[in-house]
Amino acid sequence: MMNFIKRGILMVISSPSGAGKTTLTKRLAETHNMLFSVSYTTRSPRAGEVDGTDYHFVTNDEFTRMVEAQEFAEWAVVHGNRYGTSIATVNRAIEQGTDCLFDIDYQGGQQIRRQWPQDSVLCFILPPSMNELERRLRERATDTAEAIERRLGMARKELAHYHEYEYLVVNDHLDKAFSELSAIYVAARCARFRNEPLAQSLLSEVVKRDH
């Protein structure tokens, strides 16, 4: 039988700021041993964030150099800062059969889907209500009142792109939302086209034995 390596999945998870995608993606990565895609960003680190673990923090000049060198699979401007994902990291993960997790916005999701249409699985996390989203942002206490209003305005824009995603998960209860997200991942791993090379190899073995 052939040495079968299943191609890695590119699981994209997006949501309005405050809907809980960061918490959910970290838990998903830990539970299923997925490679968490560490984005490059021009924004400053928040309290407790570690360079190379949470993000690769770079200057605007370095980010521009990487854009011009076409080193990004996707990049976007979010809340005045730039974020990008390395092409080399994505290709290496796919070919090695490593599942890669992306915590990115709809612009990044569009670009990932465009470049790797068969390998990407797109999920959008919805808040149970806009009032709840606003409450979470204010309780987080990491942004100014002006920044929170800006994030709420961006949330309305991001929600308009929900139809570009294959799956929608409502984060009304964290454990329930995680269970649904985990089920989507497992189902994607079992998709027929991802396992077809193995099935064809097994059929070939059967034909050889019959002869």
Protein backbone atom coordinates (compact mmCIF):
# COMPACT_ATOMS: atom_id res chain seq x y z
CA MET A 1 0.00 0.00 0.00
CA MET A 2 1.19 3.52 -0.80
CA ASN A 3 2.56 5.75 1.95
CA PHE A 4 -0.49 8.00 2.28
CA ILE A 5 -0.09 11.51 3.70
CA LYS A 6 -3.34 13.41 4.01
CA ARG A 7 -2.97 17.06 2.95
CA GLY A 8 -3.23 19.55 5.75
CA ILE A 9 -6.37 21.61 6.30
CA LEU A 10 -6.30 25.41 6.40
CA MET A 11 -9.01 26.19 8.92
CA VAL A 12 -9.90 29.88 8.85
CA ILE A 13 -11.83 31.30 11.80
CA SER A 14 -13.10 34.87 11.67
CA SER A 15 -15.46 36.99 13.74
CA PRO A 16 -16.11 40.53 14.88
CA SER A 17 -13.75 41.65 17.62
CA GLY A 18 -15.07 40.44 20.97
CA ALA A 19 -17.01 37.42 19.65
CA GLY A 20 -14.49 34.99 21.16
CA LYS A 21 -12.57 33.65 18.18
CA THR A 22 -9.15 33.95 19.82
CA THR A 23 -10.21 31.87 22.83
CA LEU A 24 -11.86 29.28 20.59
CA THR A 25 -8.96 28.99 18.14
CA LYS A 26 -6.40 28.52 20.90
CA ARG A 27 -8.51 25.78 22.47
CA LEU A 28 -9.04 24.11 19.09
CA ALA A 29 -5.29 24.18 18.34
CA GLU A 30 -4.42 22.63 21.70
CA THR A 31 -7.13 19.94 21.54
CA HIS A 32 -6.39 18.76 18.00
CA ASN A 33 -2.64 19.51 17.85
CA MET A 34 -3.07 22.01 15.02
CA LEU A 35 -0.40 24.47 13.94
CA PHE A 36 -1.52 27.92 15.02
CA SER A 37 -0.61 30.33 12.25
CA VAL A 38 1.28 33.20 13.87
CA SER A 39 0.56 36.36 11.90
CA TYR A 40 2.92 39.25 11.30
CA THR A 41 1.57 42.57 12.52
CA THR A 42 2.58 46.22 12.74
CA ARG A 43 0.59 46.88 15.91
CA SER A 44 2.22 47.12 19.33
CA PRO A 45 2.09 44.12 21.69
CA ARG A 46 -0.67 44.08 24.31
CA ALA A 47 0.06 43.20 27.93
CA GLY A 48 1.16 39.55 28.17
CA GLU A 49 1.64 39.01 24.43
CA VAL A 50 4.89 37.35 23.35
CA ASP A 51 6.67 38.00 20.06
CA GLY A 52 6.75 34.84 17.95
CA THR A 53 3.99 33.18 19.99
CA ASP A 54 1.01 35.51 19.74
CA TYR A 55 2.25 37.51 16.73
CA HIS A 56 5.43 38.40 14.91
CA PHE A 57 5.65 42.11 15.75
CA VAL A 58 7.41 44.02 12.96
CA THR A 59 7.88 47.61 11.89
CA ASN A 60 5.89 49.20 9.07
CA ASP A 61 9.04 49.23 6.93
CA GLU A 62 9.66 45.50 7.44
CA PHE A 63 6.02 44.69 6.69
CA THR A 64 6.20 46.74 3.48
CA ARG A 65 9.37 44.88 2.46
CA MET A 66 7.58 41.53 2.94
CA VAL A 67 4.59 42.70 0.91
CA GLU A 68 6.85 43.83 -1.94
CA ALA A 69 8.73 40.51 -1.80
CA GLN A 70 5.36 38.69 -2.05
CA GLU A 71 6.02 36.73 1.13
CA PHE A 72 2.44 36.86 2.39
CA ALA A 73 -0.36 34.40 1.63
CA GLU A 74 -2.74 37.11 2.80
CA TRP A 75 -2.50 40.47 4.45
CA ALA A 76 -4.96 43.16 5.47
CA VAL A 77 -5.37 46.40 7.35
CA VAL A 78 -7.45 45.94 10.51
CA HIS A 79 -8.20 48.80 12.90
CA GLY A 80 -5.35 50.81 11.39
CA ASN A 81 -2.73 48.06 11.72
CA ARG A 82 -1.47 45.55 9.15
CA TYR A 83 -1.59 41.76 9.59
CA GLY A 84 -0.19 39.07 7.29
CA THR A 85 0.44 35.31 6.97
CA SER A 86 3.60 33.80 5.50
CA ILE A 87 3.17 31.79 2.27
CA ALA A 88 6.08 29.50 3.17
CA THR A 89 4.42 28.51 6.45
CA VAL A 90 1.15 27.62 4.71
CA ASN A 91 2.70 25.54 1.92
CA ARG A 92 4.91 23.64 4.35
CA ALA A 93 1.93 22.79 6.57
CA ILE A 94 -0.21 21.53 3.67
CA GLU A 95 2.49 19.32 2.16
CA GLN A 96 3.49 17.82 5.52
CA GLY A 97 -0.14 17.01 6.35
CA THR A 98 -0.21 19.50 9.21
CA ASP A 99 -3.51 21.24 9.87
CA CYS A 100 -3.10 24.99 10.12
CA LEU A 101 -5.40 27.30 12.06
CA PHE A 102 -5.95 30.95 11.11
CA ASP A 103 -7.39 33.62 13.40
CA ILE A 104 -7.90 36.26 10.69
CA ASP A 105 -10.56 38.64 9.37
CA TYR A 106 -12.79 38.21 6.32
CA GLN A 107 -10.26 39.89 4.03
CA GLY A 108 -7.63 37.32 4.97
CA GLY A 109 -10.18 34.52 4.65
CA GLN A 110 -10.99 35.60 1.11
CA GLN A 111 -7.32 35.50 0.14
CA ILE A 112 -6.68 32.09 1.72
CA ARG A 113 -9.72 30.64 -0.06
CA ARG A 114 -8.62 32.19 -3.36
CA GLN A 115 -5.12 30.65 -3.20
CA TRP A 116 -6.00 27.26 -1.65
CA PRO A 117 -9.70 26.64 -2.49
CA GLN A 118 -9.69 22.90 -1.79
CA ASP A 119 -7.58 23.01 1.34
CA SER A 120 -9.41 25.78 3.19
CA VAL A 121 -12.36 25.47 5.59
CA LEU A 122 -13.96 28.78 6.57
CA CYS A 123 -15.85 29.28 9.85
CA PHE A 124 -17.40 32.50 11.14
CA ILE A 125 -18.06 33.04 14.86
CA LEU A 126 -21.23 35.02 15.60
CA PRO A 127 -22.01 36.81 18.87
CA PRO A 128 -25.49 36.03 20.26
CA SER A 129 -26.41 39.74 19.93
CA MET A 130 -24.81 43.12 19.29
CA ASN A 131 -25.58 44.14 22.88
CA GLU A 132 -23.64 41.14 24.15
CA LEU A 133 -20.76 41.93 21.80
CA GLU A 134 -20.59 45.48 23.15
CA ARG A 135 -20.69 44.21 26.74
CA ARG A 136 -17.75 41.85 26.11
CA LEU A 137 -15.69 44.59 24.50
CA ARG A 138 -16.27 46.96 27.42
CA GLU A 139 -15.56 44.29 30.05
CA ARG A 140 -12.32 43.37 28.31
CA ALA A 141 -11.03 46.83 29.31
CA THR A 142 -8.13 46.80 26.84
CA ASP A 143 -9.42 49.60 24.58
CA THR A 144 -10.49 53.20 24.96
CA ALA A 145 -14.15 54.15 24.53
CA GLU A 146 -13.29 55.54 21.10
CA ALA A 147 -11.58 52.28 20.09
CA ILE A 148 -14.59 50.26 21.25
CA GLU A 149 -16.94 52.34 19.10
CA ARG A 150 -14.58 51.81 16.17
CA ARG A 151 -14.60 48.05 16.75
CA LEU A 152 -18.41 48.00 16.90
CA GLY A 153 -18.54 49.88 13.61
CA MET A 154 -16.13 47.37 12.08
CA ALA A 155 -18.24 44.51 13.47
CA ARG A 156 -21.20 45.63 11.37
CA LYS A 157 -19.00 45.59 8.28
CA GLU A 158 -17.56 42.16 9.11
CA LEU A 159 -21.00 40.63 9.74
CA ALA A 160 -22.03 41.57 6.21
CA HIS A 161 -19.52 38.97 4.95
CA TYR A 162 -20.92 35.98 6.88
CA HIS A 163 -22.25 34.44 3.64
CA GLU A 164 -18.67 33.89 2.40
CA TYR A 165 -18.16 31.25 5.11
CA GLU A 166 -19.17 27.59 4.96
CA TYR A 167 -19.97 27.36 8.67
CA LEU A 168 -21.49 29.73 11.23
CA VAL A 169 -21.05 29.09 14.96
CA VAL A 170 -22.89 31.17 17.58
CA ASN A 171 -20.73 31.77 20.65
CA ASP A 172 -23.47 32.09 23.25
CA HIS A 173 -21.86 29.47 25.51
CA LEU A 174 -18.13 28.84 25.10
CA ASP A 175 -18.19 25.05 25.61
CA LYS A 176 -21.07 24.61 23.16
CA ALA A 177 -19.40 26.82 20.55
CA PHE A 178 -16.15 24.89 20.94
CA SER A 179 -17.94 21.54 20.58
CA GLU A 180 -19.54 22.70 17.32
CA LEU A 181 -16.26 24.09 15.99
CA SER A 182 -14.45 20.86 16.87
CA ALA A 183 -17.12 18.82 15.07
CA ILE A 184 -16.67 20.94 11.94
CA TYR A 185 -12.92 20.28 12.00
CA VAL A 186 -13.33 16.51 12.43
CA ALA A 187 -15.89 16.35 9.63
CA ALA A 188 -13.58 18.31 7.33
CA ARG A 189 -10.76 15.84 8.01
CA CYS A 190 -13.07 13.00 6.96
CA ALA A 191 -14.21 14.61 3.69
CA ARG A 192 -14.13 12.14 0.80
CA PHE A 193 -11.72 14.06 -1.43
CA ARG A 194 -9.15 14.31 1.39
CA ASN A 195 -9.13 10.55 1.84
CA GLU A 196 -9.66 9.52 -1.78
CA PRO A 197 -5.99 8.67 -2.50
CA LEU A 198 -6.07 6.10 0.32
CA ALA A 199 -9.40 4.66 -0.87
CA GLN A 200 -8.06 4.34 -4.42
CA SER A 201 -4.90 2.67 -3.14
CA LEU A 202 -6.96 0.14 -1.18
CA LEU A 203 -9.08 -0.64 -4.24
CA SER A 204 -5.93 -1.14 -6.28
CA GLU A 205 -4.69 -3.66 -3.68
CA VAL A 206 -7.99 -5.54 -3.89
CA VAL A 207 -7.76 -5.75 -7.70
CA LYS A 208 -4.18 -7.09 -7.50
CA ARG A 209 -5.16 -9.76 -4.97
CA ASP A 210 -8.15 -10.82 -7.09
CA HIS A 211 -5.78 -11.44 -9.99
